[in-house]
Amino acid sequence: MQNPVEDDFLPPSDPLVADLVSKLDDNLREAFEERAGIIEFDANLPRAHAECLALLNVLVSHPECVSAVFARNIEGEGDADSH
């Protein structure tokens, strides 16, 4: 079942950003979207660039979520010998 907050937002345009953002909880996802919008319009940057900067801002502002986001990526990769 999809996260209800994800239904309210378009996925980020960059696949890596989209993957990492999908692992954020609802509050951090909303913070990401807010920051991306502010950066896009105040700095007059393309949306994709604003999304990258917003993700970095969320991860730096909430370091506790960094390990959770990246741990999920590592768990999903499986055994290193199988690559």
PDB file of N, CA and C in Angstrom:
ATOM      1  N   MET A   1       0.842  -1.177   0.000  1.00  0.00           N
ATOM      2  CA  MET A   1       0.000   0.000   0.000  1.00  0.00           C
ATOM      3  C   MET A   1       0.887   1.240   0.000  1.00  0.00           C
ATOM      4  N   GLN A   2       0.531   2.224  -0.839  1.00  0.00           N
ATOM      5  CA  GLN A   2       1.345   3.414  -0.962  1.00  0.00           C
ATOM      6  C   GLN A   2       1.096   4.371   0.195  1.00  0.00           C
ATOM      7  N   ASN A   3       2.123   5.095   0.561  1.00  0.00           N
ATOM      8  CA  ASN A   3       2.061   6.097   1.613  1.00  0.00           C
ATOM      9  C   ASN A   3       1.093   7.207   1.191  1.00  0.00           C
ATOM     10  N   PRO A   4       0.123   7.615   2.053  1.00  0.00           N
ATOM     11  CA  PRO A   4      -0.841   8.651   1.676  1.00  0.00           C
ATOM     12  C   PRO A   4      -0.183   9.978   1.325  1.00  0.00           C
ATOM     13  N   VAL A   5       0.911  10.346   1.972  1.00  0.00           N
ATOM     14  CA  VAL A   5       1.586  11.600   1.657  1.00  0.00           C
ATOM     15  C   VAL A   5       2.147  11.555   0.247  1.00  0.00           C
ATOM     16  N   GLU A   6       2.647  10.397  -0.180  1.00  0.00           N
ATOM     17  CA  GLU A   6       3.204  10.279  -1.526  1.00  0.00           C
ATOM     18  C   GLU A   6       2.153  10.538  -2.586  1.00  0.00           C
ATOM     19  N   ASP A   7       0.891  10.271  -2.290  1.00  0.00           N
ATOM     20  CA  ASP A   7      -0.183  10.519  -3.239  1.00  0.00           C
ATOM     21  C   ASP A   7      -0.396  12.011  -3.469  1.00  0.00           C
ATOM     22  N   ASP A   8       0.026  12.844  -2.512  1.00  0.00           N
ATOM     23  CA  ASP A   8      -0.175  14.286  -2.602  1.00  0.00           C
ATOM     24  C   ASP A   8       0.897  14.988  -3.417  1.00  0.00           C
ATOM     25  N   PHE A   9       1.993  14.332  -3.732  1.00  0.00           N
ATOM     26  CA  PHE A   9       3.123  14.964  -4.395  1.00  0.00           C
ATOM     27  C   PHE A   9       3.532  14.188  -5.634  1.00  0.00           C
ATOM     28  N   LEU A  10       4.033  14.918  -6.617  1.00  0.00           N
ATOM     29  CA  LEU A  10       4.643  14.264  -7.771  1.00  0.00           C
ATOM     30  C   LEU A  10       5.995  13.722  -7.348  1.00  0.00           C
ATOM     31  N   PRO A  11       6.418  12.607  -7.914  1.00  0.00           N
ATOM     32  CA  PRO A  11       7.748  12.089  -7.551  1.00  0.00           C
ATOM     33  C   PRO A  11       8.837  13.032  -8.072  1.00  0.00           C
ATOM     34  N   PRO A  12       9.942  13.120  -7.356  1.00  0.00           N
ATOM     35  CA  PRO A  12      11.059  13.931  -7.855  1.00  0.00           C
ATOM     36  C   PRO A  12      11.507  13.435  -9.226  1.00  0.00           C
ATOM     37  N   SER A  13      12.042  14.356 -10.027  1.00  0.00           N
ATOM     38  CA  SER A  13      12.394  13.998 -11.405  1.00  0.00           C
ATOM     39  C   SER A  13      13.648  13.135 -11.501  1.00  0.00           C
ATOM     40  N   ASP A  14      14.585  13.291 -10.582  1.00  0.00           N
ATOM     41  CA  ASP A  14      15.805  12.488 -10.602  1.00  0.00           C
ATOM     42  C   ASP A  14      15.531  11.140  -9.930  1.00  0.00           C
ATOM     43  N   PRO A  15      15.872  10.030 -10.582  1.00  0.00           N
ATOM     44  CA  PRO A  15      15.577   8.709 -10.004  1.00  0.00           C
ATOM     45  C   PRO A  15      16.236   8.458  -8.646  1.00  0.00           C
ATOM     46  N   LEU A  16      17.471   8.910  -8.456  1.00  0.00           N
ATOM     47  CA  LEU A  16      18.147   8.708  -7.176  1.00  0.00           C
ATOM     48  C   LEU A  16      17.457   9.513  -6.079  1.00  0.00           C
ATOM     49  N   VAL A  17      17.136  10.771  -6.368  1.00  0.00           N
ATOM     50  CA  VAL A  17      16.426  11.607  -5.393  1.00  0.00           C
ATOM     51  C   VAL A  17      15.067  10.983  -5.090  1.00  0.00           C
ATOM     52  N   ALA A  18      14.362  10.519  -6.109  1.00  0.00           N
ATOM     53  CA  ALA A  18      13.043   9.904  -5.906  1.00  0.00           C
ATOM     54  C   ALA A  18      13.147   8.679  -5.001  1.00  0.00           C
ATOM     55  N   ASP A  19      14.172   7.867  -5.213  1.00  0.00           N
ATOM     56  CA  ASP A  19      14.359   6.669  -4.396  1.00  0.00           C
ATOM     57  C   ASP A  19      14.601   7.035  -2.930  1.00  0.00           C
ATOM     58  N   LEU A  20      15.477   7.995  -2.694  1.00  0.00           N
ATOM     59  CA  LEU A  20      15.786   8.395  -1.321  1.00  0.00           C
ATOM     60  C   LEU A  20      14.599   9.086  -0.657  1.00  0.00           C
ATOM     61  N   VAL A  21      13.912   9.937  -1.392  1.00  0.00           N
ATOM     62  CA  VAL A  21      12.747  10.640  -0.842  1.00  0.00           C
ATOM     63  C   VAL A  21      11.643   9.648  -0.487  1.00  0.00           C
ATOM     64  N   SER A  22      11.508   8.575  -1.237  1.00  0.00           N
ATOM     65  CA  SER A  22      10.466   7.586  -0.953  1.00  0.00           C
ATOM     66  C   SER A  22      10.685   6.892   0.389  1.00  0.00           C
ATOM     67  N   LYS A  23      11.889   6.988   0.920  1.00  0.00           N
ATOM     68  CA  LYS A  23      12.208   6.354   2.199  1.00  0.00           C
ATOM     69  C   LYS A  23      12.010   7.296   3.400  1.00  0.00           C
ATOM     70  N   LEU A  24      11.704   8.562   3.126  1.00  0.00           N
ATOM     71  CA  LEU A  24      11.468   9.527   4.205  1.00  0.00           C
ATOM     72  C   LEU A  24      10.094   9.300   4.824  1.00  0.00           C
ATOM     73  N   ASP A  25       9.969   9.604   6.112  1.00  0.00           N
ATOM     74  CA  ASP A  25       8.645   9.517   6.729  1.00  0.00           C
ATOM     75  C   ASP A  25       7.794  10.701   6.261  1.00  0.00           C
ATOM     76  N   ASP A  26       6.522  10.719   6.639  1.00  0.00           N
ATOM     77  CA  ASP A  26       5.585  11.736   6.152  1.00  0.00           C
ATOM     78  C   ASP A  26       6.040  13.156   6.473  1.00  0.00           C
ATOM     79  N   ASN A  27       6.509  13.383   7.697  1.00  0.00           N
ATOM     80  CA  ASN A  27       6.929  14.730   8.096  1.00  0.00           C
ATOM     81  C   ASN A  27       8.143  15.200   7.307  1.00  0.00           C
ATOM     82  N   LEU A  28       9.103  14.318   7.121  1.00  0.00           N
ATOM     83  CA  LEU A  28      10.291  14.698   6.364  1.00  0.00           C
ATOM     84  C   LEU A  28       9.981  14.858   4.886  1.00  0.00           C
ATOM     85  N   ARG A  29       9.040  14.072   4.376  1.00  0.00           N
ATOM     86  CA  ARG A  29       8.631  14.234   2.972  1.00  0.00           C
ATOM     87  C   ARG A  29       8.001  15.609   2.768  1.00  0.00           C
ATOM     88  N   GLU A  30       7.165  16.023   3.703  1.00  0.00           N
ATOM     89  CA  GLU A  30       6.565  17.351   3.602  1.00  0.00           C
ATOM     90  C   GLU A  30       7.628  18.439   3.703  1.00  0.00           C
ATOM     91  N   ALA A  31       8.608  18.258   4.586  1.00  0.00           N
ATOM     92  CA  ALA A  31       9.696  19.220   4.709  1.00  0.00           C
ATOM     93  C   ALA A  31      10.487  19.300   3.405  1.00  0.00           C
ATOM     94  N   PHE A  32      10.744  18.146   2.804  1.00  0.00           N
ATOM     95  CA  PHE A  32      11.445  18.104   1.512  1.00  0.00           C
ATOM     96  C   PHE A  32      10.681  18.893   0.455  1.00  0.00           C
ATOM     97  N   GLU A  33       9.387  18.647   0.329  1.00  0.00           N
ATOM     98  CA  GLU A  33       8.574  19.326  -0.685  1.00  0.00           C
ATOM     99  C   GLU A  33       8.548  20.835  -0.454  1.00  0.00           C
ATOM    100  N   GLU A  34       8.416  21.240   0.800  1.00  0.00           N
ATOM    101  CA  GLU A  34       8.392  22.667   1.128  1.00  0.00           C
ATOM    102  C   GLU A  34       9.721  23.319   0.757  1.00  0.00           C
ATOM    103  N   ARG A  35      10.818  22.683   1.149  1.00  0.00           N
ATOM    104  CA  ARG A  35      12.135  23.239   0.846  1.00  0.00           C
ATOM    105  C   ARG A  35      12.386  23.291  -0.661  1.00  0.00           C
ATOM    106  N   ALA A  36      11.987  22.248  -1.362  1.00  0.00           N
ATOM    107  CA  ALA A  36      12.181  22.225  -2.815  1.00  0.00           C
ATOM    108  C   ALA A  36      11.423  23.379  -3.479  1.00  0.00           C
ATOM    109  N   GLY A  37      10.198  23.617  -3.045  1.00  0.00           N
ATOM    110  CA  GLY A  37       9.421  24.718  -3.611  1.00  0.00           C
ATOM    111  C   GLY A  37      10.034  26.072  -3.318  1.00  0.00           C
ATOM    112  N   ILE A  38      10.484  26.262  -2.093  1.00  0.00           N
ATOM    113  CA  ILE A  38      11.105  27.530  -1.713  1.00  0.00           C
ATOM    114  C   ILE A  38      12.381  27.751  -2.516  1.00  0.00           C
ATOM    115  N   ILE A  39      13.218  26.731  -2.600  1.00  0.00           N
ATOM    116  CA  ILE A  39      14.480  26.852  -3.338  1.00  0.00           C
ATOM    117  C   ILE A  39      14.201  27.120  -4.816  1.00  0.00           C
ATOM    118  N   GLU A  40      13.248  26.389  -5.390  1.00  0.00           N
ATOM    119  CA  GLU A  40      12.927  26.555  -6.806  1.00  0.00           C
ATOM    120  C   GLU A  40      12.522  27.997  -7.124  1.00  0.00           C
ATOM    121  N   PHE A  41      11.630  28.543  -6.322  1.00  0.00           N
ATOM    122  CA  PHE A  41      11.097  29.866  -6.645  1.00  0.00           C
ATOM    123  C   PHE A  41      11.974  31.007  -6.143  1.00  0.00           C
ATOM    124  N   ASP A  42      12.511  30.904  -4.937  1.00  0.00           N
ATOM    125  CA  ASP A  42      13.343  31.994  -4.413  1.00  0.00           C
ATOM    126  C   ASP A  42      14.684  32.083  -5.126  1.00  0.00           C
ATOM    127  N   ALA A  43      15.267  30.947  -5.469  1.00  0.00           N
ATOM    128  CA  ALA A  43      16.572  30.946  -6.141  1.00  0.00           C
ATOM    129  C   ALA A  43      16.424  30.878  -7.657  1.00  0.00           C
ATOM    130  N   ASN A  44      15.179  30.725  -8.119  1.00  0.00           N
ATOM    131  CA  ASN A  44      14.911  30.645  -9.560  1.00  0.00           C
ATOM    132  C   ASN A  44      15.732  29.527 -10.222  1.00  0.00           C
ATOM    133  N   LEU A  45      15.705  28.358  -9.572  1.00  0.00           N
ATOM    134  CA  LEU A  45      16.432  27.194 -10.079  1.00  0.00           C
ATOM    135  C   LEU A  45      15.470  26.207 -10.723  1.00  0.00           C
ATOM    136  N   PRO A  46      15.968  25.363 -11.620  1.00  0.00           N
ATOM    137  CA  PRO A  46      15.123  24.292 -12.151  1.00  0.00           C
ATOM    138  C   PRO A  46      14.661  23.368 -11.014  1.00  0.00           C
ATOM    139  N   ARG A  47      13.484  22.789 -11.166  1.00  0.00           N
ATOM    140  CA  ARG A  47      12.907  21.955 -10.121  1.00  0.00           C
ATOM    141  C   ARG A  47      13.857  20.814  -9.726  1.00  0.00           C
ATOM    142  N   ALA A  48      14.464  20.157 -10.694  1.00  0.00           N
ATOM    143  CA  ALA A  48      15.343  19.016 -10.393  1.00  0.00           C
ATOM    144  C   ALA A  48      16.519  19.444  -9.509  1.00  0.00           C
ATOM    145  N   HIS A  49      17.082  20.608  -9.778  1.00  0.00           N
ATOM    146  CA  HIS A  49      18.189  21.116  -8.970  1.00  0.00           C
ATOM    147  C   HIS A  49      17.686  21.454  -7.570  1.00  0.00           C
ATOM    148  N   ALA A  50      16.519  22.077  -7.489  1.00  0.00           N
ATOM    149  CA  ALA A  50      15.933  22.427  -6.192  1.00  0.00           C
ATOM    150  C   ALA A  50      15.654  21.180  -5.357  1.00  0.00           C
ATOM    151  N   GLU A  51      15.206  20.105  -6.007  1.00  0.00           N
ATOM    152  CA  GLU A  51      14.934  18.859  -5.291  1.00  0.00           C
ATOM    153  C   GLU A  51      16.212  18.257  -4.714  1.00  0.00           C
ATOM    154  N   CYS A  52      17.287  18.305  -5.458  1.00  0.00           N
ATOM    155  CA  CYS A  52      18.572  17.789  -4.951  1.00  0.00           C
ATOM    156  C   CYS A  52      19.023  18.572  -3.726  1.00  0.00           C
ATOM    157  N   LEU A  53      18.939  19.890  -3.818  1.00  0.00           N
ATOM    158  CA  LEU A  53      19.348  20.729  -2.687  1.00  0.00           C
ATOM    159  C   LEU A  53      18.420  20.537  -1.495  1.00  0.00           C
ATOM    160  N   ALA A  54      17.130  20.392  -1.749  1.00  0.00           N
ATOM    161  CA  ALA A  54      16.172  20.186  -0.659  1.00  0.00           C
ATOM    162  C   ALA A  54      16.437  18.867   0.056  1.00  0.00           C
ATOM    163  N   LEU A  55      16.748  17.819  -0.691  1.00  0.00           N
ATOM    164  CA  LEU A  55      17.055  16.533  -0.069  1.00  0.00           C
ATOM    165  C   LEU A  55      18.300  16.650   0.806  1.00  0.00           C
ATOM    166  N   LEU A  56      19.326  17.290   0.299  1.00  0.00           N
ATOM    167  CA  LEU A  56      20.530  17.493   1.111  1.00  0.00           C
ATOM    168  C   LEU A  56      20.207  18.265   2.383  1.00  0.00           C
ATOM    169  N   ASN A  57      19.373  19.288   2.261  1.00  0.00           N
ATOM    170  CA  ASN A  57      18.998  20.084   3.424  1.00  0.00           C
ATOM    171  C   ASN A  57      18.263  19.248   4.459  1.00  0.00           C
ATOM    172  N   VAL A  58      17.334  18.418   4.021  1.00  0.00           N
ATOM    173  CA  VAL A  58      16.579  17.564   4.950  1.00  0.00           C
ATOM    174  C   VAL A  58      17.519  16.572   5.628  1.00  0.00           C
ATOM    175  N   LEU A  59      18.403  15.966   4.872  1.00  0.00           N
ATOM    176  CA  LEU A  59      19.316  14.980   5.452  1.00  0.00           C
ATOM    177  C   LEU A  59      20.294  15.611   6.445  1.00  0.00           C
ATOM    178  N   VAL A  60      20.765  16.819   6.147  1.00  0.00           N
ATOM    179  CA  VAL A  60      21.675  17.516   7.068  1.00  0.00           C
ATOM    180  C   VAL A  60      20.918  17.989   8.304  1.00  0.00           C
ATOM    181  N   SER A  61      19.689  18.468   8.115  1.00  0.00           N
ATOM    182  CA  SER A  61      18.892  18.983   9.237  1.00  0.00           C
ATOM    183  C   SER A  61      18.377  17.880  10.154  1.00  0.00           C
ATOM    184  N   HIS A  62      18.284  16.669   9.619  1.00  0.00           N
ATOM    185  CA  HIS A  62      17.753  15.529  10.381  1.00  0.00           C
ATOM    186  C   HIS A  62      18.693  14.343  10.231  1.00  0.00           C
ATOM    187  N   PRO A  63      19.863  14.417  10.855  1.00  0.00           N
ATOM    188  CA  PRO A  63      20.856  13.353  10.667  1.00  0.00           C
ATOM    189  C   PRO A  63      20.381  11.976  11.118  1.00  0.00           C
ATOM    190  N   GLU A  64      19.403  11.933  12.016  1.00  0.00           N
ATOM    191  CA  GLU A  64      18.890  10.633  12.460  1.00  0.00           C
ATOM    192  C   GLU A  64      18.234   9.852  11.323  1.00  0.00           C
ATOM    193  N   CYS A  65      17.758  10.537  10.300  1.00  0.00           N
ATOM    194  CA  CYS A  65      17.104   9.827   9.194  1.00  0.00           C
ATOM    195  C   CYS A  65      18.106   9.309   8.174  1.00  0.00           C
ATOM    196  N   VAL A  66      19.336   9.809   8.200  1.00  0.00           N
ATOM    197  CA  VAL A  66      20.327   9.401   7.203  1.00  0.00           C
ATOM    198  C   VAL A  66      20.609   7.907   7.292  1.00  0.00           C
ATOM    199  N   SER A  67      20.849   7.413   8.487  1.00  0.00           N
ATOM    200  CA  SER A  67      21.158   5.991   8.622  1.00  0.00           C
ATOM    201  C   SER A  67      19.969   5.134   8.218  1.00  0.00           C
ATOM    202  N   ALA A  68      18.764   5.570   8.523  1.00  0.00           N
ATOM    203  CA  ALA A  68      17.576   4.794   8.146  1.00  0.00           C
ATOM    204  C   ALA A  68      17.412   4.754   6.629  1.00  0.00           C
ATOM    205  N   VAL A  69      17.622   5.888   5.971  1.00  0.00           N
ATOM    206  CA  VAL A  69      17.472   5.956   4.511  1.00  0.00           C
ATOM    207  C   VAL A  69      18.513   5.081   3.823  1.00  0.00           C
ATOM    208  N   PHE A  70      19.778   5.202   4.243  1.00  0.00           N
ATOM    209  CA  PHE A  70      20.830   4.450   3.576  1.00  0.00           C
ATOM    210  C   PHE A  70      20.863   2.985   4.002  1.00  0.00           C
ATOM    211  N   ALA A  71      20.433   2.672   5.206  1.00  0.00           N
ATOM    212  CA  ALA A  71      20.367   1.275   5.633  1.00  0.00           C
ATOM    213  C   ALA A  71      19.376   0.510   4.774  1.00  0.00           C
ATOM    214  N   ARG A  72      18.281   1.136   4.420  1.00  0.00           N
ATOM    215  CA  ARG A  72      17.298   0.473   3.557  1.00  0.00           C
ATOM    216  C   ARG A  72      17.878   0.196   2.186  1.00  0.00           C
ATOM    217  N   ASN A  73      18.711   1.101   1.676  1.00  0.00           N
ATOM    218  CA  ASN A  73      19.351   0.873   0.384  1.00  0.00           C
ATOM    219  C   ASN A  73      20.333  -0.283   0.460  1.00  0.00           C
ATOM    220  N   ILE A  74      21.124  -0.342   1.513  1.00  0.00           N
ATOM    221  CA  ILE A  74      22.120  -1.403   1.666  1.00  0.00           C
ATOM    222  C   ILE A  74      21.439  -2.752   1.822  1.00  0.00           C
ATOM    223  N   GLU A  75      20.377  -2.815   2.629  1.00  0.00           N
ATOM    224  CA  GLU A  75      19.655  -4.077   2.822  1.00  0.00           C
ATOM    225  C   GLU A  75      19.075  -4.580   1.510  1.00  0.00           C
ATOM    226  N   GLY A  76      18.648  -3.660   0.652  1.00  0.00           N
ATOM    227  CA  GLY A  76      18.041  -4.046  -0.616  1.00  0.00           C
ATOM    228  C   GLY A  76      19.029  -4.511  -1.657  1.00  0.00           C
ATOM    229  N   GLU A  77      20.321  -4.275  -1.449  1.00  0.00           N
ATOM    230  CA  GLU A  77      21.324  -4.639  -2.441  1.00  0.00           C
ATOM    231  C   GLU A  77      21.755  -6.098  -2.349  1.00  0.00           C
ATOM    232  N   GLY A  78      21.503  -6.737  -1.241  1.00  0.00           N
ATOM    233  CA  GLY A  78      21.865  -8.136  -1.093  1.00  0.00           C
ATOM    234  C   GLY A  78      23.331  -8.350  -0.846  1.00  0.00           C
ATOM    235  N   ASP A  79      23.786  -9.551  -1.079  1.00  0.00           N
ATOM    236  CA  ASP A  79      25.163  -9.949  -0.831  1.00  0.00           C
ATOM    237  C   ASP A  79      26.092  -9.307  -1.860  1.00  0.00           C
ATOM    238  N   ALA A  80      27.168  -8.721  -1.393  1.00  0.00           N
ATOM    239  CA  ALA A  80      28.121  -8.048  -2.279  1.00  0.00           C
ATOM    240  C   ALA A  80      28.765  -9.022  -3.261  1.00  0.00           C
ATOM    241  N   ASP A  81      28.892 -10.303  -2.895  1.00  0.00           N
ATOM    242  CA  ASP A  81      29.516 -11.281  -3.781  1.00  0.00           C
ATOM    243  C   ASP A  81      28.657 -11.636  -4.985  1.00  0.00           C
ATOM    244  N   SER A  82      27.370 -11.314  -4.924  1.00  0.00           N
ATOM    245  CA  SER A  82      26.476 -11.698  -6.020  1.00  0.00           C
ATOM    246  C   SER A  82      26.493 -10.696  -7.172  1.00  0.00           C
ATOM    247  N   HIS A  83      27.285  -9.594  -7.033  1.00  0.00           N
ATOM    248  CA  HIS A  83      27.314  -8.566  -8.085  1.00  0.00           C
ATOM    249  C   HIS A  83      28.371  -8.845  -9.071  1.00  0.00           C
TER     250      HIS A  83
END
